[in-house]
């Protein structure tokens, strides 16, 4: 159950980040707790293609966990 939930979160976050790119991270930053802002700020400094590639990998890990 917990693995499935984690898989869905990874899959969803990865897919949305691939589609929306840095805009999604800026939106997440507005809703995230203050202690998480440095993480999102660091990710926002990445070039967009690299960010999307990392998000695609995140989505693939989520898919793999979901189908295992």
PDB file of N, CA and C in Angstrom:
ATOM      1  N   UNK A   1       0.818  -1.199   0.000  1.00  0.00           N
ATOM      2  CA  UNK A   1       0.000   0.000   0.000  1.00  0.00           C
ATOM      3  C   UNK A   1       0.864   1.266   0.000  1.00  0.00           C
ATOM      4  N   UNK A   2       1.842   1.314   0.924  1.00  0.00           N
ATOM      5  CA  UNK A   2       2.719   2.480   1.001  1.00  0.00           C
ATOM      6  C   UNK A   2       3.577   2.601  -0.257  1.00  0.00           C
ATOM      7  N   UNK A   3       4.046   1.443  -0.765  1.00  0.00           N
ATOM      8  CA  UNK A   3       4.851   1.460  -1.987  1.00  0.00           C
ATOM      9  C   UNK A   3       4.025   1.971  -3.170  1.00  0.00           C
ATOM     10  N   UNK A   4       2.756   1.567  -3.220  1.00  0.00           N
ATOM     11  CA  UNK A   4       1.882   2.021  -4.300  1.00  0.00           C
ATOM     12  C   UNK A   4       1.643   3.528  -4.229  1.00  0.00           C
ATOM     13  N   UNK A   5       1.454   4.035  -3.019  1.00  0.00           N
ATOM     14  CA  UNK A   5       1.257   5.473  -2.831  1.00  0.00           C
ATOM     15  C   UNK A   5       2.505   6.248  -3.243  1.00  0.00           C
ATOM     16  N   UNK A   6       3.662   5.773  -2.805  1.00  0.00           N
ATOM     17  CA  UNK A   6       4.921   6.405  -3.194  1.00  0.00           C
ATOM     18  C   UNK A   6       5.107   6.356  -4.708  1.00  0.00           C
ATOM     19  N   UNK A   7       4.763   5.224  -5.315  1.00  0.00           N
ATOM     20  CA  UNK A   7       4.885   5.081  -6.763  1.00  0.00           C
ATOM     21  C   UNK A   7       3.991   6.084  -7.490  1.00  0.00           C
ATOM     22  N   UNK A   8       2.769   6.250  -7.023  1.00  0.00           N
ATOM     23  CA  UNK A   8       1.856   7.211  -7.656  1.00  0.00           C
ATOM     24  C   UNK A   8       2.339   8.644  -7.493  1.00  0.00           C
ATOM     25  N   UNK A   9       2.890   8.958  -6.328  1.00  0.00           N
ATOM     26  CA  UNK A   9       3.420  10.309  -6.103  1.00  0.00           C
ATOM     27  C   UNK A   9       4.599  10.572  -7.034  1.00  0.00           C
ATOM     28  N   UNK A  10       5.523   9.617  -7.128  1.00  0.00           N
ATOM     29  CA  UNK A  10       6.678   9.783  -8.017  1.00  0.00           C
ATOM     30  C   UNK A  10       6.242   9.897  -9.471  1.00  0.00           C
ATOM     31  N   UNK A  11       5.332   9.029  -9.877  1.00  0.00           N
ATOM     32  CA  UNK A  11       4.856   9.047 -11.258  1.00  0.00           C
ATOM     33  C   UNK A  11       4.164  10.366 -11.583  1.00  0.00           C
ATOM     34  N   UNK A  12       3.266  10.796 -10.716  1.00  0.00           N
ATOM     35  CA  UNK A  12       2.540  12.042 -10.957  1.00  0.00           C
ATOM     36  C   UNK A  12       3.440  13.260 -10.961  1.00  0.00           C
ATOM     37  N   UNK A  13       4.296  13.361  -9.958  1.00  0.00           N
ATOM     38  CA  UNK A  13       5.204  14.507  -9.875  1.00  0.00           C
ATOM     39  C   UNK A  13       6.145  14.537 -11.073  1.00  0.00           C
ATOM     40  N   UNK A  14       6.660  13.379 -11.447  1.00  0.00           N
ATOM     41  CA  UNK A  14       7.566  13.318 -12.590  1.00  0.00           C
ATOM     42  C   UNK A  14       6.887  13.726 -13.887  1.00  0.00           C
ATOM     43  N   UNK A  15       5.692  13.196 -14.127  1.00  0.00           N
ATOM     44  CA  UNK A  15       4.986  13.524 -15.372  1.00  0.00           C
ATOM     45  C   UNK A  15       4.601  14.999 -15.442  1.00  0.00           C
ATOM     46  N   UNK A  16       4.112  15.539 -14.338  1.00  0.00           N
ATOM     47  CA  UNK A  16       3.726  16.952 -14.337  1.00  0.00           C
ATOM     48  C   UNK A  16       4.952  17.835 -14.554  1.00  0.00           C
ATOM     49  N   UNK A  17       6.084  17.481 -13.935  1.00  0.00           N
ATOM     50  CA  UNK A  17       7.298  18.279 -14.108  1.00  0.00           C
ATOM     51  C   UNK A  17       7.815  18.183 -15.534  1.00  0.00           C
ATOM     52  N   UNK A  18       7.694  17.005 -16.160  1.00  0.00           N
ATOM     53  CA  UNK A  18       8.116  16.873 -17.561  1.00  0.00           C
ATOM     54  C   UNK A  18       7.278  17.792 -18.444  1.00  0.00           C
ATOM     55  N   UNK A  19       5.975  17.832 -18.210  1.00  0.00           N
ATOM     56  CA  UNK A  19       5.081  18.621 -19.060  1.00  0.00           C
ATOM     57  C   UNK A  19       5.204  20.116 -18.772  1.00  0.00           C
ATOM     58  N   UNK A  20       5.145  20.517 -17.501  1.00  0.00           N
ATOM     59  CA  UNK A  20       5.148  21.938 -17.145  1.00  0.00           C
ATOM     60  C   UNK A  20       6.531  22.515 -16.933  1.00  0.00           C
ATOM     61  N   UNK A  21       7.510  21.674 -16.636  1.00  0.00           N
ATOM     62  CA  UNK A  21       8.880  22.146 -16.434  1.00  0.00           C
ATOM     63  C   UNK A  21       9.025  23.017 -15.199  1.00  0.00           C
ATOM     64  N   UNK A  22       9.850  24.053 -15.288  1.00  0.00           N
ATOM     65  CA  UNK A  22      10.124  24.907 -14.128  1.00  0.00           C
ATOM     66  C   UNK A  22       8.883  25.605 -13.566  1.00  0.00           C
ATOM     67  N   UNK A  23       7.876  25.816 -14.386  1.00  0.00           N
ATOM     68  CA  UNK A  23       6.651  26.457 -13.906  1.00  0.00           C
ATOM     69  C   UNK A  23       5.993  25.662 -12.785  1.00  0.00           C
ATOM     70  N   UNK A  24       6.027  24.339 -12.891  1.00  0.00           N
ATOM     71  CA  UNK A  24       5.449  23.495 -11.847  1.00  0.00           C
ATOM     72  C   UNK A  24       6.248  23.616 -10.555  1.00  0.00           C
ATOM     73  N   UNK A  25       7.575  23.700 -10.671  1.00  0.00           N
ATOM     74  CA  UNK A  25       8.398  23.839  -9.471  1.00  0.00           C
ATOM     75  C   UNK A  25       8.163  25.188  -8.794  1.00  0.00           C
ATOM     76  N   UNK A  26       7.960  26.238  -9.594  1.00  0.00           N
ATOM     77  CA  UNK A  26       7.649  27.539  -8.996  1.00  0.00           C
ATOM     78  C   UNK A  26       6.305  27.491  -8.261  1.00  0.00           C
ATOM     79  N   UNK A  27       5.340  26.791  -8.846  1.00  0.00           N
ATOM     80  CA  UNK A  27       4.042  26.636  -8.201  1.00  0.00           C
ATOM     81  C   UNK A  27       4.179  25.814  -6.915  1.00  0.00           C
ATOM     82  N   UNK A  28       4.970  24.734  -6.973  1.00  0.00           N
ATOM     83  CA  UNK A  28       5.208  23.917  -5.783  1.00  0.00           C
ATOM     84  C   UNK A  28       5.858  24.744  -4.679  1.00  0.00           C
ATOM     85  N   UNK A  29       6.759  25.639  -5.064  1.00  0.00           N
ATOM     86  CA  UNK A  29       7.479  26.456  -4.089  1.00  0.00           C
ATOM     87  C   UNK A  29       6.519  27.342  -3.300  1.00  0.00           C
ATOM     88  N   UNK A  30       5.480  27.824  -3.963  1.00  0.00           N
ATOM     89  CA  UNK A  30       4.495  28.664  -3.271  1.00  0.00           C
ATOM     90  C   UNK A  30       3.736  27.886  -2.199  1.00  0.00           C
ATOM     91  N   UNK A  31       3.537  26.587  -2.418  1.00  0.00           N
ATOM     92  CA  UNK A  31       2.759  25.770  -1.484  1.00  0.00           C
ATOM     93  C   UNK A  31       3.618  25.009  -0.485  1.00  0.00           C
ATOM     94  N   UNK A  32       4.905  24.888  -0.769  1.00  0.00           N
ATOM     95  CA  UNK A  32       5.792  24.074   0.070  1.00  0.00           C
ATOM     96  C   UNK A  32       6.119  24.786   1.378  1.00  0.00           C
ATOM     97  N   UNK A  33       6.434  24.004   2.406  1.00  0.00           N
ATOM     98  CA  UNK A  33       6.895  24.634   3.648  1.00  0.00           C
ATOM     99  C   UNK A  33       8.224  25.354   3.429  1.00  0.00           C
ATOM    100  N   UNK A  34       8.486  26.332   4.241  1.00  0.00           N
ATOM    101  CA  UNK A  34       9.680  27.179   4.077  1.00  0.00           C
ATOM    102  C   UNK A  34      10.983  26.378   4.100  1.00  0.00           C
ATOM    103  N   UNK A  35      11.043  25.312   4.894  1.00  0.00           N
ATOM    104  CA  UNK A  35      12.279  24.533   4.991  1.00  0.00           C
ATOM    105  C   UNK A  35      12.592  23.790   3.698  1.00  0.00           C
ATOM    106  N   UNK A  36      11.606  23.626   2.805  1.00  0.00           N
ATOM    107  CA  UNK A  36      11.814  22.910   1.541  1.00  0.00           C
ATOM    108  C   UNK A  36      12.191  23.853   0.393  1.00  0.00           C
ATOM    109  N   UNK A  37      12.089  25.150   0.597  1.00  0.00           N
ATOM    110  CA  UNK A  37      12.391  26.124  -0.456  1.00  0.00           C
ATOM    111  C   UNK A  37      13.804  25.990  -1.019  1.00  0.00           C
ATOM    112  N   UNK A  38      14.850  25.768  -0.200  1.00  0.00           N
ATOM    113  CA  UNK A  38      16.193  25.635  -0.787  1.00  0.00           C
ATOM    114  C   UNK A  38      16.315  24.476  -1.775  1.00  0.00           C
ATOM    115  N   UNK A  39      15.589  23.397  -1.531  1.00  0.00           N
ATOM    116  CA  UNK A  39      15.617  22.260  -2.464  1.00  0.00           C
ATOM    117  C   UNK A  39      15.017  22.677  -3.803  1.00  0.00           C
ATOM    118  N   UNK A  40      13.860  23.305  -3.758  1.00  0.00           N
ATOM    119  CA  UNK A  40      13.207  23.735  -4.995  1.00  0.00           C
ATOM    120  C   UNK A  40      14.005  24.832  -5.689  1.00  0.00           C
ATOM    121  N   UNK A  41      14.617  25.731  -4.923  1.00  0.00           N
ATOM    122  CA  UNK A  41      15.463  26.766  -5.527  1.00  0.00           C
ATOM    123  C   UNK A  41      16.638  26.133  -6.265  1.00  0.00           C
ATOM    124  N   UNK A  42      17.220  25.100  -5.675  1.00  0.00           N
ATOM    125  CA  UNK A  42      18.322  24.397  -6.334  1.00  0.00           C
ATOM    126  C   UNK A  42      17.881  23.734  -7.626  1.00  0.00           C
ATOM    127  N   UNK A  43      16.706  23.115  -7.612  1.00  0.00           N
ATOM    128  CA  UNK A  43      16.200  22.475  -8.829  1.00  0.00           C
ATOM    129  C   UNK A  43      15.854  23.506  -9.902  1.00  0.00           C
ATOM    130  N   UNK A  44      15.393  24.679  -9.483  1.00  0.00           N
ATOM    131  CA  UNK A  44      15.047  25.718 -10.454  1.00  0.00           C
ATOM    132  C   UNK A  44      16.279  26.293 -11.154  1.00  0.00           C
ATOM    133  N   UNK A  45      17.456  26.078 -10.592  1.00  0.00           N
ATOM    134  CA  UNK A  45      18.686  26.547 -11.237  1.00  0.00           C
ATOM    135  C   UNK A  45      19.152  25.605 -12.348  1.00  0.00           C
ATOM    136  N   UNK A  46      18.607  24.398 -12.392  1.00  0.00           N
ATOM    137  CA  UNK A  46      19.000  23.434 -13.422  1.00  0.00           C
ATOM    138  C   UNK A  46      18.492  23.915 -14.782  1.00  0.00           C
ATOM    139  N   UNK A  47      19.224  23.630 -15.853  1.00  0.00           N
ATOM    140  CA  UNK A  47      18.701  23.912 -17.194  1.00  0.00           C
ATOM    141  C   UNK A  47      17.430  23.081 -17.434  1.00  0.00           C
ATOM    142  N   UNK A  48      16.487  23.651 -18.148  1.00  0.00           N
ATOM    143  CA  UNK A  48      15.190  23.003 -18.348  1.00  0.00           C
ATOM    144  C   UNK A  48      15.299  21.588 -18.936  1.00  0.00           C
ATOM    145  N   UNK A  49      16.141  21.348 -19.970  1.00  0.00           N
ATOM    146  CA  UNK A  49      16.223  19.975 -20.501  1.00  0.00           C
ATOM    147  C   UNK A  49      16.715  18.968 -19.456  1.00  0.00           C
ATOM    148  N   UNK A  50      17.671  19.376 -18.634  1.00  0.00           N
ATOM    149  CA  UNK A  50      18.182  18.483 -17.597  1.00  0.00           C
ATOM    150  C   UNK A  50      17.119  18.235 -16.524  1.00  0.00           C
ATOM    151  N   UNK A  51      16.382  19.269 -16.167  1.00  0.00           N
ATOM    152  CA  UNK A  51      15.301  19.137 -15.194  1.00  0.00           C
ATOM    153  C   UNK A  51      14.238  18.169 -15.710  1.00  0.00           C
ATOM    154  N   UNK A  52      13.864  18.316 -16.966  1.00  0.00           N
ATOM    155  CA  UNK A  52      12.843  17.438 -17.548  1.00  0.00           C
ATOM    156  C   UNK A  52      13.336  15.999 -17.665  1.00  0.00           C
ATOM    157  N   UNK A  53      14.630  15.822 -17.960  1.00  0.00           N
ATOM    158  CA  UNK A  53      15.189  14.477 -18.046  1.00  0.00           C
ATOM    159  C   UNK A  53      15.173  13.813 -16.661  1.00  0.00           C
ATOM    160  N   UNK A  54      15.531  14.569 -15.631  1.00  0.00           N
ATOM    161  CA  UNK A  54      15.468  14.037 -14.272  1.00  0.00           C
ATOM    162  C   UNK A  54      14.045  13.698 -13.859  1.00  0.00           C
ATOM    163  N   UNK A  55      13.100  14.535 -14.264  1.00  0.00           N
ATOM    164  CA  UNK A  55      11.693  14.280 -13.948  1.00  0.00           C
ATOM    165  C   UNK A  55      11.184  13.047 -14.691  1.00  0.00           C
ATOM    166  N   UNK A  56      11.655  12.849 -15.918  1.00  0.00           N
ATOM    167  CA  UNK A  56      11.273  11.651 -16.666  1.00  0.00           C
ATOM    168  C   UNK A  56      11.801  10.400 -15.963  1.00  0.00           C
ATOM    169  N   UNK A  57      13.019  10.476 -15.442  1.00  0.00           N
ATOM    170  CA  UNK A  57      13.570   9.349 -14.693  1.00  0.00           C
ATOM    171  C   UNK A  57      12.749   9.091 -13.427  1.00  0.00           C
ATOM    172  N   UNK A  58      12.345  10.165 -12.756  1.00  0.00           N
ATOM    173  CA  UNK A  58      11.497  10.033 -11.566  1.00  0.00           C
ATOM    174  C   UNK A  58      10.183   9.333 -11.917  1.00  0.00           C
ATOM    175  N   UNK A  59       9.581   9.718 -13.044  1.00  0.00           N
ATOM    176  CA  UNK A  59       8.331   9.093 -13.474  1.00  0.00           C
ATOM    177  C   UNK A  59       8.546   7.621 -13.818  1.00  0.00           C
ATOM    178  N   UNK A  60       9.676   7.301 -14.441  1.00  0.00           N
ATOM    179  CA  UNK A  60       9.969   5.900 -14.764  1.00  0.00           C
ATOM    180  C   UNK A  60      10.141   5.062 -13.500  1.00  0.00           C
ATOM    181  N   UNK A  61      10.791   5.613 -12.497  1.00  0.00           N
ATOM    182  CA  UNK A  61      10.932   4.893 -11.220  1.00  0.00           C
ATOM    183  C   UNK A  61       9.552   4.668 -10.604  1.00  0.00           C
ATOM    184  N   UNK A  62       8.702   5.677 -10.658  1.00  0.00           N
ATOM    185  CA  UNK A  62       7.339   5.524 -10.150  1.00  0.00           C
ATOM    186  C   UNK A  62       6.569   4.451 -10.896  1.00  0.00           C
ATOM    187  N   UNK A  63       6.694   4.436 -12.216  1.00  0.00           N
ATOM    188  CA  UNK A  63       6.022   3.419 -13.034  1.00  0.00           C
ATOM    189  C   UNK A  63       6.550   2.029 -12.699  1.00  0.00           C
ATOM    190  N   UNK A  64       7.874   1.928 -12.543  1.00  0.00           N
ATOM    191  CA  UNK A  64       8.494   0.644 -12.219  1.00  0.00           C
ATOM    192  C   UNK A  64       7.994   0.135 -10.865  1.00  0.00           C
ATOM    193  N   UNK A  65       7.928   1.018  -9.872  1.00  0.00           N
ATOM    194  CA  UNK A  65       7.426   0.611  -8.557  1.00  0.00           C
ATOM    195  C   UNK A  65       5.951   0.210  -8.612  1.00  0.00           C
ATOM    196  N   UNK A  66       5.200   0.887  -9.445  1.00  0.00           N
ATOM    197  CA  UNK A  66       3.768   0.609  -9.552  1.00  0.00           C
ATOM    198  C   UNK A  66       3.501  -0.737 -10.215  1.00  0.00           C
ATOM    199  N   UNK A  67       4.302  -1.092 -11.194  1.00  0.00           N
ATOM    200  CA  UNK A  67       4.058  -2.323 -11.955  1.00  0.00           C
ATOM    201  C   UNK A  67       4.797  -3.531 -11.400  1.00  0.00           C
ATOM    202  N   UNK A  68       5.617  -3.334 -10.406  1.00  0.00           N
ATOM    203  CA  UNK A  68       6.362  -4.449  -9.816  1.00  0.00           C
ATOM    204  C   UNK A  68       5.498  -5.327  -8.976  1.00  0.00           C
TER     205      UNK A  68
END
